[in-house]
Amino acid sequence: MTIFTQHPHDQGISYFEHWAFAIGIAWRLLRSVLAFAIHALFPWITIEKQLDLEATSAFLLERNDFIETAADKTADDAYPAAA
């Protein structure tokens, strides 16, 4: 196991699934950061509702729940409950 695959393996996903998950979050956060930076310079330009703080927080919580559920399922599959 390499340094590139250890963490994804521990989460029960492939390197590329981990990459896609992380890039998706990074892309969403980058869009939000840019919206806020533009708004900071030009206050009359509003931040789109889908990029505001509330929507960004909801997005991050949903993605966190998704990955935790996937990790829990992987742990359950690896260590089934005693019958």
N, C-alpha and C. Protein backbone atom coordinates (compact mmCIF):
# COMPACT_ATOMS: atom_id res chain seq x y z
N MET A 1 0.85 -1.18 0.00
CA MET A 1 0.00 0.00 0.00
C MET A 1 0.90 1.24 0.00
N THR A 2 0.55 2.20 -0.83
CA THR A 2 1.37 3.40 -0.93
C THR A 2 0.73 4.54 -0.14
N ILE A 3 1.48 5.60 -0.01
CA ILE A 3 0.94 6.78 0.68
C ILE A 3 -0.27 7.35 -0.05
N PHE A 4 -0.37 7.07 -1.36
CA PHE A 4 -1.50 7.57 -2.13
C PHE A 4 -2.78 6.76 -1.92
N THR A 5 -2.65 5.52 -1.53
CA THR A 5 -3.82 4.65 -1.44
C THR A 5 -4.21 4.27 -0.02
N GLN A 6 -3.37 4.52 0.96
CA GLN A 6 -3.65 4.10 2.33
C GLN A 6 -4.92 4.75 2.88
N HIS A 7 -4.99 6.07 2.82
CA HIS A 7 -6.14 6.77 3.37
C HIS A 7 -7.44 6.40 2.63
N PRO A 8 -7.47 6.43 1.30
CA PRO A 8 -8.71 6.00 0.63
C PRO A 8 -9.09 4.56 0.99
N HIS A 9 -8.10 3.68 1.07
CA HIS A 9 -8.38 2.29 1.46
C HIS A 9 -9.01 2.23 2.85
N ASP A 10 -8.48 3.02 3.77
CA ASP A 10 -9.03 3.06 5.13
C ASP A 10 -10.49 3.52 5.12
N GLN A 11 -10.85 4.36 4.14
CA GLN A 11 -12.22 4.86 4.02
C GLN A 11 -13.12 3.91 3.23
N GLY A 12 -12.51 2.86 2.65
CA GLY A 12 -13.29 1.89 1.89
C GLY A 12 -13.61 2.32 0.47
N ILE A 13 -12.80 3.23 -0.08
CA ILE A 13 -13.01 3.70 -1.44
C ILE A 13 -11.70 3.64 -2.20
N SER A 14 -11.79 3.73 -3.52
CA SER A 14 -10.58 3.71 -4.34
C SER A 14 -9.93 5.10 -4.34
N TYR A 15 -8.71 5.14 -4.82
CA TYR A 15 -7.99 6.40 -4.95
C TYR A 15 -8.79 7.38 -5.81
N PHE A 16 -9.33 6.89 -6.93
CA PHE A 16 -10.05 7.77 -7.85
C PHE A 16 -11.41 8.21 -7.29
N GLU A 17 -12.06 7.36 -6.50
CA GLU A 17 -13.29 7.79 -5.83
C GLU A 17 -12.98 8.88 -4.81
N HIS A 18 -11.87 8.72 -4.10
CA HIS A 18 -11.44 9.73 -3.13
C HIS A 18 -11.11 11.04 -3.84
N TRP A 19 -10.41 10.92 -4.95
CA TRP A 19 -10.03 12.09 -5.74
C TRP A 19 -11.28 12.85 -6.19
N ALA A 20 -12.25 12.12 -6.75
CA ALA A 20 -13.47 12.75 -7.24
C ALA A 20 -14.24 13.43 -6.10
N PHE A 21 -14.31 12.78 -4.96
CA PHE A 21 -15.00 13.34 -3.80
C PHE A 21 -14.31 14.64 -3.36
N ALA A 22 -12.99 14.59 -3.20
CA ALA A 22 -12.24 15.75 -2.71
C ALA A 22 -12.24 16.89 -3.72
N ILE A 23 -12.09 16.58 -5.01
CA ILE A 23 -12.11 17.62 -6.04
C ILE A 23 -13.49 18.27 -6.11
N GLY A 24 -14.54 17.48 -5.94
CA GLY A 24 -15.89 18.04 -5.95
C GLY A 24 -16.08 19.06 -4.84
N ILE A 25 -15.58 18.74 -3.67
CA ILE A 25 -15.68 19.68 -2.55
C ILE A 25 -14.81 20.91 -2.81
N ALA A 26 -13.58 20.69 -3.28
CA ALA A 26 -12.68 21.81 -3.55
C ALA A 26 -13.27 22.75 -4.60
N TRP A 27 -13.86 22.19 -5.66
CA TRP A 27 -14.44 23.00 -6.72
C TRP A 27 -15.60 23.85 -6.17
N ARG A 28 -16.44 23.22 -5.36
CA ARG A 28 -17.59 23.94 -4.78
C ARG A 28 -17.12 25.06 -3.86
N LEU A 29 -16.10 24.77 -3.04
CA LEU A 29 -15.58 25.80 -2.13
C LEU A 29 -14.88 26.92 -2.89
N LEU A 30 -14.17 26.58 -3.96
CA LEU A 30 -13.51 27.60 -4.76
C LEU A 30 -14.53 28.57 -5.36
N ARG A 31 -15.63 28.03 -5.86
CA ARG A 31 -16.68 28.89 -6.42
C ARG A 31 -17.25 29.82 -5.34
N SER A 32 -17.43 29.30 -4.14
CA SER A 32 -17.95 30.12 -3.04
C SER A 32 -16.94 31.20 -2.65
N VAL A 33 -15.68 30.82 -2.55
CA VAL A 33 -14.62 31.78 -2.19
C VAL A 33 -14.55 32.91 -3.22
N LEU A 34 -14.61 32.55 -4.49
CA LEU A 34 -14.56 33.57 -5.54
C LEU A 34 -15.76 34.51 -5.46
N ALA A 35 -16.93 33.96 -5.19
CA ALA A 35 -18.13 34.79 -5.05
C ALA A 35 -17.97 35.77 -3.90
N PHE A 36 -17.44 35.31 -2.78
CA PHE A 36 -17.25 36.19 -1.63
C PHE A 36 -16.16 37.23 -1.89
N ALA A 37 -15.09 36.85 -2.59
CA ALA A 37 -14.02 37.79 -2.90
C ALA A 37 -14.53 38.89 -3.83
N ILE A 38 -15.31 38.50 -4.83
CA ILE A 38 -15.88 39.51 -5.74
C ILE A 38 -16.83 40.42 -4.97
N HIS A 39 -17.65 39.83 -4.11
CA HIS A 39 -18.58 40.63 -3.30
C HIS A 39 -17.83 41.59 -2.37
N ALA A 40 -16.69 41.14 -1.84
CA ALA A 40 -15.90 42.01 -0.96
C ALA A 40 -15.41 43.25 -1.71
N LEU A 41 -14.99 43.07 -2.95
CA LEU A 41 -14.50 44.20 -3.75
C LEU A 41 -15.63 45.06 -4.31
N PHE A 42 -16.70 44.41 -4.68
CA PHE A 42 -17.83 45.09 -5.30
C PHE A 42 -19.11 44.73 -4.55
N PRO A 43 -19.38 45.42 -3.43
CA PRO A 43 -20.48 45.04 -2.55
C PRO A 43 -21.86 45.04 -3.21
N TRP A 44 -22.03 45.75 -4.31
CA TRP A 44 -23.32 45.77 -4.97
C TRP A 44 -23.58 44.49 -5.78
N ILE A 45 -22.54 43.68 -6.00
CA ILE A 45 -22.72 42.38 -6.65
C ILE A 45 -23.07 41.37 -5.57
N THR A 46 -24.25 40.80 -5.68
CA THR A 46 -24.71 39.89 -4.65
C THR A 46 -24.15 38.49 -4.86
N ILE A 47 -24.13 37.72 -3.79
CA ILE A 47 -23.67 36.34 -3.82
C ILE A 47 -24.87 35.47 -4.16
N GLU A 48 -24.70 34.61 -5.15
CA GLU A 48 -25.80 33.70 -5.52
C GLU A 48 -26.23 32.89 -4.30
N LYS A 49 -27.51 32.62 -4.21
CA LYS A 49 -28.07 31.87 -3.08
C LYS A 49 -27.38 30.51 -2.92
N GLN A 50 -27.05 29.85 -4.03
CA GLN A 50 -26.42 28.52 -3.95
C GLN A 50 -24.98 28.57 -3.47
N LEU A 51 -24.38 29.77 -3.39
CA LEU A 51 -23.00 29.90 -2.93
C LEU A 51 -22.87 30.64 -1.60
N ASP A 52 -23.98 31.05 -1.00
CA ASP A 52 -23.89 31.80 0.26
C ASP A 52 -23.48 30.88 1.41
N LEU A 53 -23.30 31.45 2.59
CA LEU A 53 -22.80 30.67 3.72
C LEU A 53 -23.73 29.52 4.11
N GLU A 54 -25.03 29.80 4.11
CA GLU A 54 -25.98 28.76 4.50
C GLU A 54 -25.95 27.58 3.52
N ALA A 55 -25.95 27.87 2.23
CA ALA A 55 -25.92 26.81 1.23
C ALA A 55 -24.59 26.05 1.27
N THR A 56 -23.50 26.76 1.48
CA THR A 56 -22.19 26.11 1.56
C THR A 56 -22.11 25.21 2.78
N SER A 57 -22.62 25.67 3.91
CA SER A 57 -22.63 24.84 5.12
C SER A 57 -23.49 23.59 4.91
N ALA A 58 -24.65 23.76 4.30
CA ALA A 58 -25.52 22.61 4.04
C ALA A 58 -24.84 21.62 3.11
N PHE A 59 -24.16 22.12 2.09
CA PHE A 59 -23.43 21.26 1.15
C PHE A 59 -22.36 20.45 1.88
N LEU A 60 -21.57 21.12 2.71
CA LEU A 60 -20.50 20.43 3.43
C LEU A 60 -21.05 19.39 4.41
N LEU A 61 -22.12 19.72 5.09
CA LEU A 61 -22.73 18.75 6.01
C LEU A 61 -23.27 17.53 5.26
N GLU A 62 -23.90 17.76 4.11
CA GLU A 62 -24.43 16.65 3.31
C GLU A 62 -23.31 15.76 2.81
N ARG A 63 -22.23 16.35 2.33
CA ARG A 63 -21.10 15.56 1.82
C ARG A 63 -20.43 14.80 2.96
N ASN A 64 -20.33 15.42 4.13
CA ASN A 64 -19.75 14.75 5.29
C ASN A 64 -20.61 13.55 5.71
N ASP A 65 -21.92 13.74 5.74
CA ASP A 65 -22.82 12.63 6.06
C ASP A 65 -22.68 11.50 5.04
N PHE A 66 -22.57 11.86 3.77
CA PHE A 66 -22.42 10.87 2.71
C PHE A 66 -21.16 10.02 2.92
N ILE A 67 -20.03 10.67 3.17
CA ILE A 67 -18.78 9.93 3.28
C ILE A 67 -18.73 9.15 4.59
N GLU A 68 -19.30 9.68 5.66
CA GLU A 68 -19.34 8.93 6.92
C GLU A 68 -20.22 7.70 6.80
N THR A 69 -21.34 7.83 6.10
CA THR A 69 -22.22 6.68 5.88
C THR A 69 -21.50 5.61 5.06
N ALA A 70 -20.78 6.03 4.04
CA ALA A 70 -20.02 5.09 3.22
C ALA A 70 -18.93 4.40 4.04
N ALA A 71 -18.25 5.16 4.89
CA ALA A 71 -17.20 4.58 5.74
C ALA A 71 -17.80 3.62 6.76
N ASP A 72 -18.97 3.97 7.32
CA ASP A 72 -19.64 3.07 8.28
C ASP A 72 -20.05 1.78 7.60
N LYS A 73 -20.55 1.87 6.37
CA LYS A 73 -20.98 0.68 5.64
C LYS A 73 -19.77 -0.21 5.37
N THR A 74 -18.64 0.38 5.02
CA THR A 74 -17.43 -0.39 4.77
C THR A 74 -16.98 -1.09 6.04
N ALA A 75 -17.04 -0.38 7.17
CA ALA A 75 -16.66 -0.99 8.44
C ALA A 75 -17.60 -2.13 8.79
N ASP A 76 -18.89 -1.96 8.54
CA ASP A 76 -19.86 -3.02 8.82
C ASP A 76 -19.60 -4.25 7.95
N ASP A 77 -19.23 -4.00 6.69
CA ASP A 77 -18.94 -5.11 5.77
C ASP A 77 -17.67 -5.85 6.20
N ALA A 78 -16.71 -5.11 6.72
CA ALA A 78 -15.44 -5.73 7.13
C ALA A 78 -15.58 -6.49 8.43
N TYR A 79 -16.42 -6.00 9.32
CA TYR A 79 -16.59 -6.62 10.64
C TYR A 79 -18.07 -6.86 10.91
N PRO A 80 -18.68 -7.87 10.28
CA PRO A 80 -20.11 -8.11 10.50
C PRO A 80 -20.42 -8.42 11.95
N ALA A 81 -21.60 -8.02 12.38
CA ALA A 81 -22.01 -8.26 13.76
C ALA A 81 -22.14 -9.76 14.01
N ALA A 82 -21.82 -10.16 15.22
CA ALA A 82 -21.93 -11.58 15.57
C ALA A 82 -23.40 -11.99 15.57
N ALA A 83 -23.68 -13.15 15.01
CA ALA A 83 -25.08 -13.60 14.91
C ALA A 83 -25.51 -14.29 16.18
